[in-house]
Amino acid sequence: MAALLPVARVAVDVPLAHLDRPFDYLVPERLAEAAVPGCRVRVRFAGQLTGGYLLERASASDHQGRLAALERVVSPEPVLTPEIAALAREVADRYAGTLADVLRLAIPPRHARVEAEAGPQLSAGSGAPSSGAASTGTMGPLPGGCGVPGRRR
């Protein structure tokens, strides 16, 4: 298992309300570098492989039993920020939904080809594009003209 922060807290994609909580999994050494908070993972849950999001890494688990290991990191790209995770949790709590249901709607589906194309454009370790409008913190021009959504010149 991973030497540093060997426990992963995972929001498993299970729509059942009584299972609406993070579950702890061990991080194998081979996945230690790719298993970053916010990334998509596959875990074994109730005997089946299912998707989920790694919420955080921890040094220990409160679970007294044996922990299963993460099966794989689907994409090392962190798609779930702490702010979005907190907002999704608030929405799920307020409107009597599950975190899995809200995240399914809040985060776009994975497109491996787009991730592969974006990979070389990411600057080393920053997670942000290294050139273009995103590096200046501005959005750049919007389609249609004036830069205000829904408005045309």
N, C-alpha and C. Protein backbone atom coordinates (compact mmCIF):
# COMPACT_ATOMS: atom_id res chain seq x y z
N MET A 1 0.84 -1.19 0.00
CA MET A 1 0.00 0.00 0.00
C MET A 1 0.88 1.24 0.00
N ALA A 2 0.26 2.37 -0.35
CA ALA A 2 0.99 3.63 -0.44
C ALA A 2 1.59 3.99 0.92
N ALA A 3 2.82 4.46 0.90
CA ALA A 3 3.52 4.81 2.14
C ALA A 3 2.95 6.09 2.74
N LEU A 4 2.61 7.04 1.89
CA LEU A 4 2.09 8.33 2.35
C LEU A 4 0.60 8.41 2.07
N LEU A 5 -0.19 8.69 3.07
CA LEU A 5 -1.65 8.80 2.96
C LEU A 5 -2.24 7.58 2.25
N PRO A 6 -2.21 6.42 2.90
CA PRO A 6 -2.62 5.17 2.25
C PRO A 6 -4.13 4.95 2.14
N VAL A 7 -4.94 5.84 2.73
CA VAL A 7 -6.39 5.66 2.70
C VAL A 7 -7.03 6.69 1.78
N ALA A 8 -7.91 6.23 0.91
CA ALA A 8 -8.66 7.12 0.01
C ALA A 8 -10.12 7.13 0.44
N ARG A 9 -10.67 8.31 0.63
CA ARG A 9 -12.11 8.45 0.90
C ARG A 9 -12.79 8.68 -0.43
N VAL A 10 -13.72 7.78 -0.76
CA VAL A 10 -14.32 7.76 -2.09
C VAL A 10 -15.83 7.95 -2.00
N ALA A 11 -16.35 8.84 -2.83
CA ALA A 11 -17.80 8.97 -3.01
C ALA A 11 -18.17 7.99 -4.11
N VAL A 12 -18.77 6.89 -3.73
CA VAL A 12 -19.10 5.82 -4.67
C VAL A 12 -20.41 6.16 -5.38
N ASP A 13 -20.46 5.88 -6.68
CA ASP A 13 -21.64 6.19 -7.48
C ASP A 13 -22.72 5.14 -7.24
N VAL A 14 -23.38 5.26 -6.09
CA VAL A 14 -24.47 4.37 -5.70
C VAL A 14 -25.66 5.26 -5.33
N PRO A 15 -26.80 5.11 -6.00
CA PRO A 15 -27.92 6.03 -5.77
C PRO A 15 -28.77 5.73 -4.53
N LEU A 16 -28.36 4.79 -3.71
CA LEU A 16 -29.16 4.43 -2.53
C LEU A 16 -28.89 5.41 -1.38
N ALA A 17 -29.96 5.97 -0.82
CA ALA A 17 -29.83 7.00 0.20
C ALA A 17 -29.12 6.50 1.45
N HIS A 18 -29.33 5.25 1.84
CA HIS A 18 -28.68 4.76 3.06
C HIS A 18 -27.19 4.50 2.88
N LEU A 19 -26.68 4.60 1.65
CA LEU A 19 -25.25 4.46 1.38
C LEU A 19 -24.62 5.78 0.94
N ASP A 20 -25.29 6.89 1.25
CA ASP A 20 -24.85 8.21 0.82
C ASP A 20 -23.81 8.78 1.79
N ARG A 21 -22.61 8.23 1.71
CA ARG A 21 -21.49 8.67 2.54
C ARG A 21 -20.21 8.21 1.88
N PRO A 22 -19.08 8.81 2.24
CA PRO A 22 -17.81 8.35 1.68
C PRO A 22 -17.42 6.99 2.27
N PHE A 23 -16.72 6.20 1.48
CA PHE A 23 -16.20 4.91 1.91
C PHE A 23 -14.69 4.94 1.78
N ASP A 24 -14.02 4.27 2.72
CA ASP A 24 -12.56 4.24 2.73
C ASP A 24 -12.03 3.04 1.96
N TYR A 25 -10.98 3.28 1.18
CA TYR A 25 -10.29 2.25 0.42
C TYR A 25 -8.79 2.44 0.59
N LEU A 26 -8.05 1.37 0.47
CA LEU A 26 -6.60 1.46 0.50
C LEU A 26 -6.08 1.86 -0.88
N VAL A 27 -5.01 2.63 -0.89
CA VAL A 27 -4.40 3.06 -2.15
C VAL A 27 -3.18 2.17 -2.40
N PRO A 28 -3.23 1.34 -3.45
CA PRO A 28 -2.05 0.52 -3.78
C PRO A 28 -0.88 1.42 -4.19
N GLU A 29 0.32 0.95 -3.95
CA GLU A 29 1.52 1.73 -4.28
C GLU A 29 1.53 2.12 -5.76
N ARG A 30 1.09 1.23 -6.64
CA ARG A 30 1.10 1.51 -8.09
C ARG A 30 0.17 2.65 -8.47
N LEU A 31 -0.82 2.97 -7.62
CA LEU A 31 -1.76 4.06 -7.89
C LEU A 31 -1.51 5.30 -7.04
N ALA A 32 -0.49 5.26 -6.19
CA ALA A 32 -0.26 6.33 -5.22
C ALA A 32 -0.11 7.70 -5.87
N GLU A 33 0.59 7.78 -6.98
CA GLU A 33 0.83 9.06 -7.62
C GLU A 33 -0.41 9.57 -8.38
N ALA A 34 -1.13 8.68 -9.03
CA ALA A 34 -2.29 9.06 -9.84
C ALA A 34 -3.54 9.31 -9.01
N ALA A 35 -3.62 8.71 -7.82
CA ALA A 35 -4.82 8.83 -6.98
C ALA A 35 -4.79 10.16 -6.22
N VAL A 36 -5.25 11.20 -6.89
CA VAL A 36 -5.28 12.54 -6.30
C VAL A 36 -6.72 12.93 -5.98
N PRO A 37 -6.93 13.76 -4.98
CA PRO A 37 -8.30 14.19 -4.68
C PRO A 37 -8.98 14.81 -5.91
N GLY A 38 -10.21 14.39 -6.15
CA GLY A 38 -10.98 14.90 -7.29
C GLY A 38 -10.95 14.02 -8.52
N CYS A 39 -10.09 12.99 -8.53
CA CYS A 39 -10.01 12.14 -9.72
C CYS A 39 -11.10 11.08 -9.71
N ARG A 40 -11.37 10.52 -10.89
CA ARG A 40 -12.33 9.43 -11.04
C ARG A 40 -11.63 8.11 -10.75
N VAL A 41 -12.30 7.24 -10.00
CA VAL A 41 -11.72 5.94 -9.66
C VAL A 41 -12.76 4.84 -9.88
N ARG A 42 -12.26 3.60 -9.93
CA ARG A 42 -13.13 2.42 -9.96
C ARG A 42 -12.83 1.64 -8.69
N VAL A 43 -13.90 1.23 -8.02
CA VAL A 43 -13.76 0.47 -6.77
C VAL A 43 -14.71 -0.71 -6.80
N ARG A 44 -14.38 -1.69 -5.99
CA ARG A 44 -15.29 -2.83 -5.83
C ARG A 44 -16.23 -2.48 -4.70
N PHE A 45 -17.54 -2.49 -5.01
CA PHE A 45 -18.56 -2.14 -4.02
C PHE A 45 -19.68 -3.16 -4.13
N ALA A 46 -19.97 -3.85 -3.05
CA ALA A 46 -21.00 -4.90 -3.03
C ALA A 46 -20.74 -5.94 -4.12
N GLY A 47 -19.46 -6.28 -4.32
CA GLY A 47 -19.10 -7.32 -5.26
C GLY A 47 -19.03 -6.89 -6.71
N GLN A 48 -19.30 -5.64 -7.00
CA GLN A 48 -19.26 -5.17 -8.39
C GLN A 48 -18.34 -3.98 -8.52
N LEU A 49 -17.74 -3.83 -9.71
CA LEU A 49 -16.94 -2.64 -9.97
C LEU A 49 -17.86 -1.48 -10.27
N THR A 50 -17.61 -0.37 -9.62
CA THR A 50 -18.42 0.82 -9.85
C THR A 50 -17.52 2.05 -9.80
N GLY A 51 -18.01 3.13 -10.36
CA GLY A 51 -17.24 4.37 -10.40
C GLY A 51 -17.39 5.17 -9.12
N GLY A 52 -16.53 6.14 -8.99
CA GLY A 52 -16.59 7.03 -7.84
C GLY A 52 -15.59 8.15 -8.00
N TYR A 53 -15.57 9.03 -7.02
CA TYR A 53 -14.65 10.16 -7.01
C TYR A 53 -13.84 10.11 -5.72
N LEU A 54 -12.53 10.26 -5.84
CA LEU A 54 -11.67 10.28 -4.67
C LEU A 54 -11.82 11.66 -4.03
N LEU A 55 -12.37 11.71 -2.83
CA LEU A 55 -12.62 12.98 -2.15
C LEU A 55 -11.39 13.49 -1.42
N GLU A 56 -10.68 12.59 -0.76
CA GLU A 56 -9.47 12.98 -0.03
C GLU A 56 -8.63 11.76 0.28
N ARG A 57 -7.37 12.01 0.59
CA ARG A 57 -6.46 10.97 1.06
C ARG A 57 -6.23 11.20 2.55
N ALA A 58 -6.11 10.13 3.31
CA ALA A 58 -5.92 10.23 4.75
C ALA A 58 -4.86 9.24 5.21
N SER A 59 -4.35 9.48 6.41
CA SER A 59 -3.31 8.60 6.95
C SER A 59 -3.89 7.36 7.62
N ALA A 60 -5.17 7.44 8.05
CA ALA A 60 -5.80 6.31 8.73
C ALA A 60 -7.30 6.34 8.47
N SER A 61 -7.94 5.21 8.75
CA SER A 61 -9.38 5.08 8.57
C SER A 61 -10.05 4.83 9.91
N ASP A 62 -11.27 5.30 10.05
CA ASP A 62 -12.06 5.02 11.25
C ASP A 62 -12.71 3.64 11.18
N HIS A 63 -12.74 3.07 9.99
CA HIS A 63 -13.34 1.74 9.78
C HIS A 63 -12.51 0.68 10.49
N GLN A 64 -13.17 -0.16 11.28
CA GLN A 64 -12.45 -1.17 12.06
C GLN A 64 -12.13 -2.43 11.27
N GLY A 65 -12.88 -2.67 10.20
CA GLY A 65 -12.67 -3.89 9.41
C GLY A 65 -11.56 -3.74 8.39
N ARG A 66 -11.49 -4.73 7.51
CA ARG A 66 -10.49 -4.76 6.44
C ARG A 66 -10.95 -3.85 5.31
N LEU A 67 -10.04 -3.06 4.78
CA LEU A 67 -10.36 -2.17 3.67
C LEU A 67 -9.99 -2.82 2.34
N ALA A 68 -10.85 -2.63 1.34
CA ALA A 68 -10.54 -3.07 -0.01
C ALA A 68 -9.63 -2.02 -0.66
N ALA A 69 -8.93 -2.41 -1.70
CA ALA A 69 -8.04 -1.49 -2.41
C ALA A 69 -8.78 -0.86 -3.59
N LEU A 70 -8.33 0.33 -3.97
CA LEU A 70 -8.83 0.95 -5.21
C LEU A 70 -8.48 0.00 -6.35
N GLU A 71 -9.41 -0.20 -7.27
CA GLU A 71 -9.14 -1.07 -8.42
C GLU A 71 -8.28 -0.34 -9.44
N ARG A 72 -8.67 0.89 -9.76
CA ARG A 72 -7.87 1.68 -10.70
C ARG A 72 -8.28 3.13 -10.66
N VAL A 73 -7.41 3.97 -11.16
CA VAL A 73 -7.71 5.38 -11.36
C VAL A 73 -8.15 5.50 -12.81
N VAL A 74 -9.39 5.90 -13.02
CA VAL A 74 -9.94 6.00 -14.37
C VAL A 74 -9.26 7.13 -15.12
N SER A 75 -9.12 8.25 -14.43
CA SER A 75 -8.47 9.42 -15.01
C SER A 75 -7.78 10.19 -13.90
N PRO A 76 -6.48 10.45 -14.04
CA PRO A 76 -5.79 11.20 -12.99
C PRO A 76 -6.15 12.68 -12.99
N GLU A 77 -6.90 13.11 -13.98
CA GLU A 77 -7.32 14.51 -14.07
C GLU A 77 -8.33 14.81 -12.96
N PRO A 78 -8.03 15.73 -12.03
CA PRO A 78 -9.00 16.04 -10.97
C PRO A 78 -10.18 16.83 -11.53
N VAL A 79 -11.35 16.20 -11.54
CA VAL A 79 -12.54 16.84 -12.10
C VAL A 79 -13.50 17.33 -11.02
N LEU A 80 -13.26 16.93 -9.79
CA LEU A 80 -14.13 17.32 -8.68
C LEU A 80 -13.32 18.16 -7.69
N THR A 81 -13.56 19.46 -7.69
CA THR A 81 -12.86 20.35 -6.77
C THR A 81 -13.52 20.28 -5.39
N PRO A 82 -12.81 20.66 -4.35
CA PRO A 82 -13.43 20.66 -3.01
C PRO A 82 -14.66 21.56 -2.95
N GLU A 83 -14.65 22.67 -3.68
CA GLU A 83 -15.79 23.58 -3.68
C GLU A 83 -17.01 22.94 -4.33
N ILE A 84 -16.81 22.25 -5.45
CA ILE A 84 -17.92 21.58 -6.13
C ILE A 84 -18.43 20.43 -5.27
N ALA A 85 -17.53 19.69 -4.63
CA ALA A 85 -17.95 18.59 -3.75
C ALA A 85 -18.80 19.11 -2.60
N ALA A 86 -18.39 20.23 -1.99
CA ALA A 86 -19.15 20.81 -0.88
C ALA A 86 -20.51 21.31 -1.36
N LEU A 87 -20.53 21.96 -2.51
CA LEU A 87 -21.79 22.46 -3.07
C LEU A 87 -22.72 21.29 -3.41
N ALA A 88 -22.19 20.25 -4.02
CA ALA A 88 -23.00 19.07 -4.36
C ALA A 88 -23.58 18.43 -3.10
N ARG A 89 -22.78 18.38 -2.03
CA ARG A 89 -23.27 17.82 -0.76
C ARG A 89 -24.41 18.67 -0.20
N GLU A 90 -24.27 20.00 -0.27
CA GLU A 90 -25.34 20.90 0.21
C GLU A 90 -26.61 20.74 -0.61
N VAL A 91 -26.47 20.64 -1.93
CA VAL A 91 -27.64 20.47 -2.81
C VAL A 91 -28.31 19.13 -2.50
N ALA A 92 -27.53 18.08 -2.36
CA ALA A 92 -28.10 16.76 -2.05
C ALA A 92 -28.84 16.78 -0.71
N ASP A 93 -28.26 17.41 0.29
CA ASP A 93 -28.90 17.48 1.60
C ASP A 93 -30.17 18.33 1.57
N ARG A 94 -30.11 19.44 0.89
CA ARG A 94 -31.27 20.36 0.87
C ARG A 94 -32.44 19.78 0.11
N TYR A 95 -32.17 19.12 -1.00
CA TYR A 95 -33.25 18.64 -1.86
C TYR A 95 -33.47 17.13 -1.76
N ALA A 96 -33.02 16.53 -0.67
CA ALA A 96 -33.26 15.11 -0.38
C ALA A 96 -32.80 14.18 -1.50
N GLY A 97 -31.64 14.49 -2.05
CA GLY A 97 -31.05 13.62 -3.06
C GLY A 97 -29.82 12.96 -2.48
N THR A 98 -29.12 12.23 -3.30
CA THR A 98 -27.85 11.65 -2.87
C THR A 98 -26.71 12.39 -3.55
N LEU A 99 -25.56 12.36 -2.93
CA LEU A 99 -24.38 12.99 -3.51
C LEU A 99 -24.09 12.40 -4.89
N ALA A 100 -24.25 11.09 -5.03
CA ALA A 100 -24.00 10.44 -6.32
C ALA A 100 -24.91 11.00 -7.42
N ASP A 101 -26.18 11.22 -7.10
CA ASP A 101 -27.11 11.77 -8.09
C ASP A 101 -26.70 13.18 -8.51
N VAL A 102 -26.34 14.01 -7.55
CA VAL A 102 -25.96 15.39 -7.85
C VAL A 102 -24.66 15.42 -8.65
N LEU A 103 -23.67 14.62 -8.27
CA LEU A 103 -22.40 14.60 -9.00
C LEU A 103 -22.58 14.09 -10.42
N ARG A 104 -23.47 13.13 -10.61
CA ARG A 104 -23.73 12.61 -11.95
C ARG A 104 -24.21 13.72 -12.88
N LEU A 105 -24.96 14.67 -12.34
CA LEU A 105 -25.46 15.79 -13.14
C LEU A 105 -24.49 16.97 -13.19
N ALA A 106 -23.67 17.12 -12.16
CA ALA A 106 -22.79 18.28 -12.07
C ALA A 106 -21.49 18.13 -12.85
N ILE A 107 -21.01 16.90 -13.01
CA ILE A 107 -19.73 16.69 -13.67
C ILE A 107 -19.96 16.03 -15.02
N PRO A 108 -19.44 16.62 -16.07
CA PRO A 108 -19.64 16.04 -17.41
C PRO A 108 -19.03 14.65 -17.51
N PRO A 109 -19.57 13.82 -18.41
CA PRO A 109 -19.00 12.49 -18.59
C PRO A 109 -17.55 12.58 -19.08
N ARG A 110 -16.82 11.53 -18.86
CA ARG A 110 -15.40 11.49 -19.24
C ARG A 110 -15.27 11.28 -20.75
N HIS A 111 -14.32 12.01 -21.34
CA HIS A 111 -13.98 11.82 -22.74
C HIS A 111 -12.47 11.62 -22.81
N ALA A 112 -12.05 10.36 -22.94
CA ALA A 112 -10.63 10.01 -22.90
C ALA A 112 -9.84 10.72 -23.98
N ARG A 113 -10.42 10.89 -25.16
CA ARG A 113 -9.71 11.53 -26.26
C ARG A 113 -9.39 12.98 -25.92
N VAL A 114 -10.33 13.68 -25.31
CA VAL A 114 -10.12 15.07 -24.92
C VAL A 114 -9.05 15.16 -23.85
N GLU A 115 -9.05 14.23 -22.89
CA GLU A 115 -8.03 14.21 -21.85
C GLU A 115 -6.65 14.00 -22.46
N ALA A 116 -6.55 13.10 -23.43
CA ALA A 116 -5.27 12.82 -24.07
C ALA A 116 -4.77 14.04 -24.84
N GLU A 117 -5.67 14.76 -25.50
CA GLU A 117 -5.28 15.95 -26.25
C GLU A 117 -4.88 17.08 -25.31
N ALA A 118 -5.52 17.19 -24.17
CA ALA A 118 -5.23 18.26 -23.22
C ALA A 118 -3.97 17.98 -22.42
N GLY A 119 -3.56 16.72 -22.31
CA GLY A 119 -2.41 16.35 -21.50
C GLY A 119 -1.16 17.15 -21.78
N PRO A 120 -0.68 17.26 -23.03
CA PRO A 120 0.55 17.99 -23.30
C PRO A 120 0.41 19.50 -23.04
N GLN A 121 -0.81 20.02 -23.05
CA GLN A 121 -1.01 21.45 -22.86
C GLN A 121 -0.97 21.86 -21.40
N LEU A 122 -1.06 20.88 -20.50
CA LEU A 122 -1.03 21.21 -19.08
C LEU A 122 0.40 21.51 -18.67
N SER A 123 0.55 22.57 -17.90
CA SER A 123 1.88 22.89 -17.41
C SER A 123 2.25 21.92 -16.31
N ALA A 124 3.49 21.77 -16.02
CA ALA A 124 3.96 20.76 -15.08
C ALA A 124 3.38 20.96 -13.69
N GLY A 125 2.43 20.08 -13.34
CA GLY A 125 1.89 20.06 -11.99
C GLY A 125 0.86 21.11 -11.66
N SER A 126 0.62 22.10 -12.50
CA SER A 126 -0.30 23.16 -12.11
C SER A 126 -1.75 22.80 -12.33
N GLY A 127 -2.03 21.88 -13.28
CA GLY A 127 -3.40 21.52 -13.56
C GLY A 127 -4.13 22.56 -14.38
N ALA A 128 -3.43 23.58 -14.84
CA ALA A 128 -4.04 24.63 -15.63
C ALA A 128 -3.34 24.69 -16.98
N PRO A 129 -4.06 25.08 -18.02
CA PRO A 129 -3.42 25.21 -19.32
C PRO A 129 -2.26 26.20 -19.24
N SER A 130 -1.20 25.92 -20.01
CA SER A 130 -0.02 26.76 -19.91
C SER A 130 -0.05 27.97 -20.84
N SER A 131 -1.00 28.03 -21.76
CA SER A 131 -1.07 29.17 -22.64
C SER A 131 -2.52 29.50 -22.94
N GLY A 132 -2.74 30.64 -23.54
CA GLY A 132 -4.10 31.03 -23.91
C GLY A 132 -4.79 31.82 -22.82
N ALA A 133 -6.09 32.01 -23.00
CA ALA A 133 -6.87 32.84 -22.10
C ALA A 133 -6.90 32.32 -20.68
N ALA A 134 -6.89 30.98 -20.51
CA ALA A 134 -7.00 30.42 -19.17
C ALA A 134 -5.81 30.78 -18.29
N SER A 135 -4.63 30.99 -18.89
CA SER A 135 -3.46 31.32 -18.08
C SER A 135 -3.53 32.74 -17.54
N THR A 136 -4.33 33.60 -18.15
CA THR A 136 -4.47 34.96 -17.66
C THR A 136 -5.64 35.11 -16.72
N GLY A 137 -6.43 34.03 -16.55
CA GLY A 137 -7.57 34.09 -15.65
C GLY A 137 -8.81 34.65 -16.31
N THR A 138 -8.75 34.94 -17.61
CA THR A 138 -9.93 35.43 -18.31
C THR A 138 -10.49 34.33 -19.17
N MET A 139 -11.75 34.46 -19.53
CA MET A 139 -12.41 33.43 -20.29
C MET A 139 -12.14 33.54 -21.78
N GLY A 140 -11.82 34.70 -22.27
CA GLY A 140 -11.64 34.88 -23.70
C GLY A 140 -12.98 35.17 -24.36
N PRO A 141 -13.00 35.41 -25.66
CA PRO A 141 -14.24 35.77 -26.33
C PRO A 141 -15.22 34.60 -26.38
N LEU A 142 -16.48 34.92 -26.22
CA LEU A 142 -17.54 33.93 -26.32
C LEU A 142 -18.08 33.90 -27.73
N PRO A 143 -18.62 32.77 -28.16
CA PRO A 143 -19.20 32.71 -29.49
C PRO A 143 -20.35 33.71 -29.60
N GLY A 144 -20.45 34.37 -30.70
CA GLY A 144 -21.56 35.29 -30.91
C GLY A 144 -21.19 36.73 -30.72
N GLY A 145 -20.02 37.02 -30.19
CA GLY A 145 -19.65 38.41 -30.25
C GLY A 145 -19.25 39.11 -28.99
N CYS A 146 -20.15 39.65 -28.23
CA CYS A 146 -19.81 40.69 -27.26
C CYS A 146 -19.27 40.19 -25.94
N GLY A 147 -19.23 38.92 -25.68
CA GLY A 147 -18.68 38.43 -24.44
C GLY A 147 -19.67 38.29 -23.32
N VAL A 148 -20.95 38.59 -23.55
CA VAL A 148 -22.00 38.41 -22.55
C VAL A 148 -22.87 37.27 -23.02
N PRO A 149 -23.00 36.21 -22.20
CA PRO A 149 -23.82 35.07 -22.64
C PRO A 149 -25.24 35.47 -23.00
N GLY A 150 -25.70 34.92 -24.09
CA GLY A 150 -27.08 35.17 -24.51
C GLY A 150 -27.28 36.49 -25.24
N ARG A 151 -26.22 37.25 -25.42
CA ARG A 151 -26.32 38.56 -26.07
C ARG A 151 -25.55 38.58 -27.37
N ARG A 152 -26.12 39.18 -28.35
CA ARG A 152 -25.44 39.32 -29.64
C ARG A 152 -25.20 40.81 -29.90
N ARG A 153 -24.20 41.10 -30.71
CA ARG A 153 -23.96 42.50 -31.08
C ARG A 153 -24.97 42.98 -32.04
